[in-house]
Amino acid sequence: MSIIKEFKAFAMRGNVVDMAVGIILGVAFGKIVSSLVSDVLLPPIGLLMGGVDFSHFAITLKQATEASAAVTLKYGIFINTVIDFIIVAFSVFLVIKGMNKLKKAEVPPAPEAPKLSKEAELLTDIRELLRKS
């Protein structure tokens, strides 16, 4: 089998396509959450803290010179990213929890009756015949 045919067989399997759709939706959802955090949640929090913008929080390790740019630790952006992660993780938790509630409880199949030996079958038949008479 040629490599192109193998790749086509791999790519067209149902779970690969489902995974691709999930990844695409996940990326789009991530952008929505990033906007929610940056544009909706953090401005009021910053306002309550005295007009602080989290994205500008940074520690300068080395000042900029004519030969090189400044070296900074941008921990404000890290705070935004952590909040993004918490919101995404909580959203996924709620979706999975909802799916689990909708999932029907699977009833285990009834156990089969144990097979009787030939002698036990004969004795059962005799007992039934005696009850009828």
C-alpha atoms as a PDB file:
ATOM      1  CA  MET A   1       0.000   0.000   0.000  1.00  0.00           C
ATOM      2  CA  SER A   2       1.406   3.372  -0.969  1.00  0.00           C
ATOM      3  CA  ILE A   3       2.047   6.014   1.638  1.00  0.00           C
ATOM      4  CA  ILE A   4      -0.623   8.291   0.139  1.00  0.00           C
ATOM      5  CA  LYS A   5      -3.278   5.571   0.466  1.00  0.00           C
ATOM      6  CA  GLU A   6      -2.163   4.841   4.038  1.00  0.00           C
ATOM      7  CA  PHE A   7      -2.347   8.526   4.933  1.00  0.00           C
ATOM      8  CA  LYS A   8      -5.789   8.863   3.338  1.00  0.00           C
ATOM      9  CA  ALA A   9      -7.049   5.835   5.304  1.00  0.00           C
ATOM     10  CA  PHE A  10      -5.598   7.313   8.501  1.00  0.00           C
ATOM     11  CA  ALA A  11      -6.943  10.824   7.945  1.00  0.00           C
ATOM     12  CA  MET A  12     -10.444   9.705   7.019  1.00  0.00           C
ATOM     13  CA  ARG A  13     -11.044   7.590  10.126  1.00  0.00           C
ATOM     14  CA  GLY A  14     -13.887   9.004  12.184  1.00  0.00           C
ATOM     15  CA  ASN A  15     -11.977   9.672  15.394  1.00  0.00           C
ATOM     16  CA  VAL A  16      -9.242  11.653  13.596  1.00  0.00           C
ATOM     17  CA  VAL A  17     -11.824  13.934  12.003  1.00  0.00           C
ATOM     18  CA  ASP A  18     -13.607  14.336  15.353  1.00  0.00           C
ATOM     19  CA  MET A  19     -10.310  15.220  17.005  1.00  0.00           C
ATOM     20  CA  ALA A  20      -9.564  17.835  14.329  1.00  0.00           C
ATOM     21  CA  VAL A  21     -12.970  19.449  14.831  1.00  0.00           C
ATOM     22  CA  GLY A  22     -12.390  19.460  18.592  1.00  0.00           C
ATOM     23  CA  ILE A  23      -9.006  21.142  18.212  1.00  0.00           C
ATOM     24  CA  ILE A  24     -10.408  23.813  15.896  1.00  0.00           C
ATOM     25  CA  LEU A  25     -13.282  24.546  18.281  1.00  0.00           C
ATOM     26  CA  GLY A  26     -10.855  24.553  21.211  1.00  0.00           C
ATOM     27  CA  VAL A  27      -8.657  27.182  19.561  1.00  0.00           C
ATOM     28  CA  ALA A  28     -11.685  29.360  18.818  1.00  0.00           C
ATOM     29  CA  PHE A  29     -12.961  28.910  22.374  1.00  0.00           C
ATOM     30  CA  GLY A  30      -9.518  29.852  23.701  1.00  0.00           C
ATOM     31  CA  LYS A  31      -9.655  33.139  21.800  1.00  0.00           C
ATOM     32  CA  ILE A  32     -13.087  33.868  23.234  1.00  0.00           C
ATOM     33  CA  VAL A  33     -11.867  33.170  26.755  1.00  0.00           C
ATOM     34  CA  SER A  34      -8.756  35.320  26.233  1.00  0.00           C
ATOM     35  CA  SER A  35     -10.954  38.200  25.130  1.00  0.00           C
ATOM     36  CA  LEU A  36     -13.279  37.612  28.079  1.00  0.00           C
ATOM     37  CA  VAL A  37     -10.380  37.785  30.520  1.00  0.00           C
ATOM     38  CA  SER A  38      -8.489  40.672  28.889  1.00  0.00           C
ATOM     39  CA  ASP A  39     -11.409  42.838  27.845  1.00  0.00           C
ATOM     40  CA  VAL A  40     -14.199  42.043  30.329  1.00  0.00           C
ATOM     41  CA  LEU A  41     -12.890  40.616  33.613  1.00  0.00           C
ATOM     42  CA  LEU A  42      -9.522  42.279  34.210  1.00  0.00           C
ATOM     43  CA  PRO A  43     -10.467  45.949  33.537  1.00  0.00           C
ATOM     44  CA  PRO A  44     -12.991  46.080  36.430  1.00  0.00           C
ATOM     45  CA  ILE A  45     -10.535  44.230  38.683  1.00  0.00           C
ATOM     46  CA  GLY A  46      -7.838  46.719  37.700  1.00  0.00           C
ATOM     47  CA  LEU A  47     -10.231  49.597  38.343  1.00  0.00           C
ATOM     48  CA  LEU A  48     -10.958  48.266  41.833  1.00  0.00           C
ATOM     49  CA  MET A  49      -7.206  48.084  42.437  1.00  0.00           C
ATOM     50  CA  GLY A  50      -6.760  51.759  41.542  1.00  0.00           C
ATOM     51  CA  GLY A  51      -6.708  51.744  37.738  1.00  0.00           C
ATOM     52  CA  VAL A  52      -4.035  49.084  37.345  1.00  0.00           C
ATOM     53  CA  ASP A  53      -3.616  47.314  33.984  1.00  0.00           C
ATOM     54  CA  PHE A  54      -2.382  43.757  34.537  1.00  0.00           C
ATOM     55  CA  SER A  55      -0.833  43.431  31.088  1.00  0.00           C
ATOM     56  CA  HIS A  56       1.708  46.149  31.950  1.00  0.00           C
ATOM     57  CA  PHE A  57       2.963  44.486  35.149  1.00  0.00           C
ATOM     58  CA  ALA A  58       6.634  43.711  34.615  1.00  0.00           C
ATOM     59  CA  ILE A  59       9.956  43.663  36.381  1.00  0.00           C
ATOM     60  CA  THR A  60      12.852  45.135  34.460  1.00  0.00           C
ATOM     61  CA  LEU A  61      15.942  42.995  34.886  1.00  0.00           C
ATOM     62  CA  LYS A  62      18.168  45.035  32.595  1.00  0.00           C
ATOM     63  CA  GLN A  63      17.527  48.502  31.237  1.00  0.00           C
ATOM     64  CA  ALA A  64      17.542  49.078  27.511  1.00  0.00           C
ATOM     65  CA  THR A  65      20.718  50.378  25.978  1.00  0.00           C
ATOM     66  CA  GLU A  66      21.591  51.575  22.500  1.00  0.00           C
ATOM     67  CA  ALA A  67      22.963  48.124  21.720  1.00  0.00           C
ATOM     68  CA  SER A  68      20.240  45.928  23.275  1.00  0.00           C
ATOM     69  CA  ALA A  69      16.584  45.923  24.259  1.00  0.00           C
ATOM     70  CA  ALA A  70      15.403  45.859  27.862  1.00  0.00           C
ATOM     71  CA  VAL A  71      15.083  42.481  29.593  1.00  0.00           C
ATOM     72  CA  THR A  72      11.800  42.236  31.494  1.00  0.00           C
ATOM     73  CA  LEU A  73       9.708  39.638  33.332  1.00  0.00           C
ATOM     74  CA  LYS A  74       6.150  40.303  32.175  1.00  0.00           C
ATOM     75  CA  TYR A  75       4.278  38.704  35.059  1.00  0.00           C
ATOM     76  CA  GLY A  76       1.065  40.631  34.281  1.00  0.00           C
ATOM     77  CA  ILE A  77       0.643  38.751  31.025  1.00  0.00           C
ATOM     78  CA  PHE A  78       1.300  35.549  32.973  1.00  0.00           C
ATOM     79  CA  ILE A  79      -1.517  36.479  35.380  1.00  0.00           C
ATOM     80  CA  ASN A  80      -3.843  36.951  32.378  1.00  0.00           C
ATOM     81  CA  THR A  81      -2.827  33.549  31.009  1.00  0.00           C
ATOM     82  CA  VAL A  82      -3.407  31.813  34.350  1.00  0.00           C
ATOM     83  CA  ILE A  83      -6.887  33.330  34.577  1.00  0.00           C
ATOM     84  CA  ASP A  84      -7.546  32.190  30.974  1.00  0.00           C
ATOM     85  CA  PHE A  85      -6.525  28.657  31.915  1.00  0.00           C
ATOM     86  CA  ILE A  86      -8.724  28.586  35.015  1.00  0.00           C
ATOM     87  CA  ILE A  87     -11.763  29.742  33.028  1.00  0.00           C
ATOM     88  CA  VAL A  88     -11.136  27.202  30.230  1.00  0.00           C
ATOM     89  CA  ALA A  89     -10.569  24.371  32.705  1.00  0.00           C
ATOM     90  CA  PHE A  90     -13.738  25.254  34.622  1.00  0.00           C
ATOM     91  CA  SER A  91     -15.736  25.461  31.374  1.00  0.00           C
ATOM     92  CA  VAL A  92     -14.500  22.043  30.256  1.00  0.00           C
ATOM     93  CA  PHE A  93     -15.346  20.668  33.704  1.00  0.00           C
ATOM     94  CA  LEU A  94     -18.911  21.986  33.407  1.00  0.00           C
ATOM     95  CA  VAL A  95     -19.317  20.554  29.892  1.00  0.00           C
ATOM     96  CA  ILE A  96     -18.070  17.106  30.956  1.00  0.00           C
ATOM     97  CA  LYS A  97     -20.241  17.196  34.068  1.00  0.00           C
ATOM     98  CA  GLY A  98     -23.288  18.022  31.925  1.00  0.00           C
ATOM     99  CA  MET A  99     -22.464  15.249  29.464  1.00  0.00           C
ATOM    100  CA  ASN A 100     -22.140  12.749  32.299  1.00  0.00           C
ATOM    101  CA  LYS A 101     -25.581  13.724  33.621  1.00  0.00           C
ATOM    102  CA  LEU A 102     -27.117  13.271  30.179  1.00  0.00           C
ATOM    103  CA  LYS A 103     -25.466   9.917  29.707  1.00  0.00           C
ATOM    104  CA  LYS A 104     -27.901   7.158  30.535  1.00  0.00           C
ATOM    105  CA  ALA A 105     -26.881   4.800  33.259  1.00  0.00           C
ATOM    106  CA  GLU A 106     -25.980   1.566  31.563  1.00  0.00           C
ATOM    107  CA  VAL A 107     -27.767  -1.440  32.989  1.00  0.00           C
ATOM    108  CA  PRO A 108     -25.441  -4.415  33.266  1.00  0.00           C
ATOM    109  CA  PRO A 109     -26.744  -7.523  31.494  1.00  0.00           C
ATOM    110  CA  ALA A 110     -28.426 -10.119  33.684  1.00  0.00           C
ATOM    111  CA  PRO A 111     -26.114 -12.971  34.549  1.00  0.00           C
ATOM    112  CA  GLU A 112     -26.812 -16.207  32.740  1.00  0.00           C
ATOM    113  CA  ALA A 113     -28.187 -19.114  34.719  1.00  0.00           C
ATOM    114  CA  PRO A 114     -25.510 -21.662  35.451  1.00  0.00           C
ATOM    115  CA  LYS A 115     -25.554 -24.708  33.186  1.00  0.00           C
ATOM    116  CA  LEU A 116     -26.828 -27.828  34.852  1.00  0.00           C
ATOM    117  CA  SER A 117     -25.183 -31.179  34.464  1.00  0.00           C
ATOM    118  CA  LYS A 118     -27.039 -33.963  32.637  1.00  0.00           C
ATOM    119  CA  GLU A 119     -27.980 -35.554  35.962  1.00  0.00           C
ATOM    120  CA  ALA A 120     -29.327 -32.276  37.327  1.00  0.00           C
ATOM    121  CA  GLU A 121     -31.386 -31.724  34.168  1.00  0.00           C
ATOM    122  CA  LEU A 122     -32.867 -35.219  34.444  1.00  0.00           C
ATOM    123  CA  LEU A 123     -33.699 -34.712  38.122  1.00  0.00           C
ATOM    124  CA  THR A 124     -35.348 -31.356  37.289  1.00  0.00           C
ATOM    125  CA  ASP A 125     -37.432 -33.020  34.567  1.00  0.00           C
ATOM    126  CA  ILE A 126     -38.490 -35.806  36.946  1.00  0.00           C
ATOM    127  CA  ARG A 127     -39.454 -33.241  39.611  1.00  0.00           C
ATOM    128  CA  GLU A 128     -41.580 -31.343  37.073  1.00  0.00           C
ATOM    129  CA  LEU A 129     -43.298 -34.567  35.968  1.00  0.00           C
ATOM    130  CA  LEU A 130     -44.038 -35.485  39.586  1.00  0.00           C
ATOM    131  CA  ARG A 131     -45.549 -32.056  40.265  1.00  0.00           C
ATOM    132  CA  LYS A 132     -47.874 -32.418  37.274  1.00  0.00           C
ATOM    133  CA  SER A 133     -49.255 -35.767  38.389  1.00  0.00           C
END
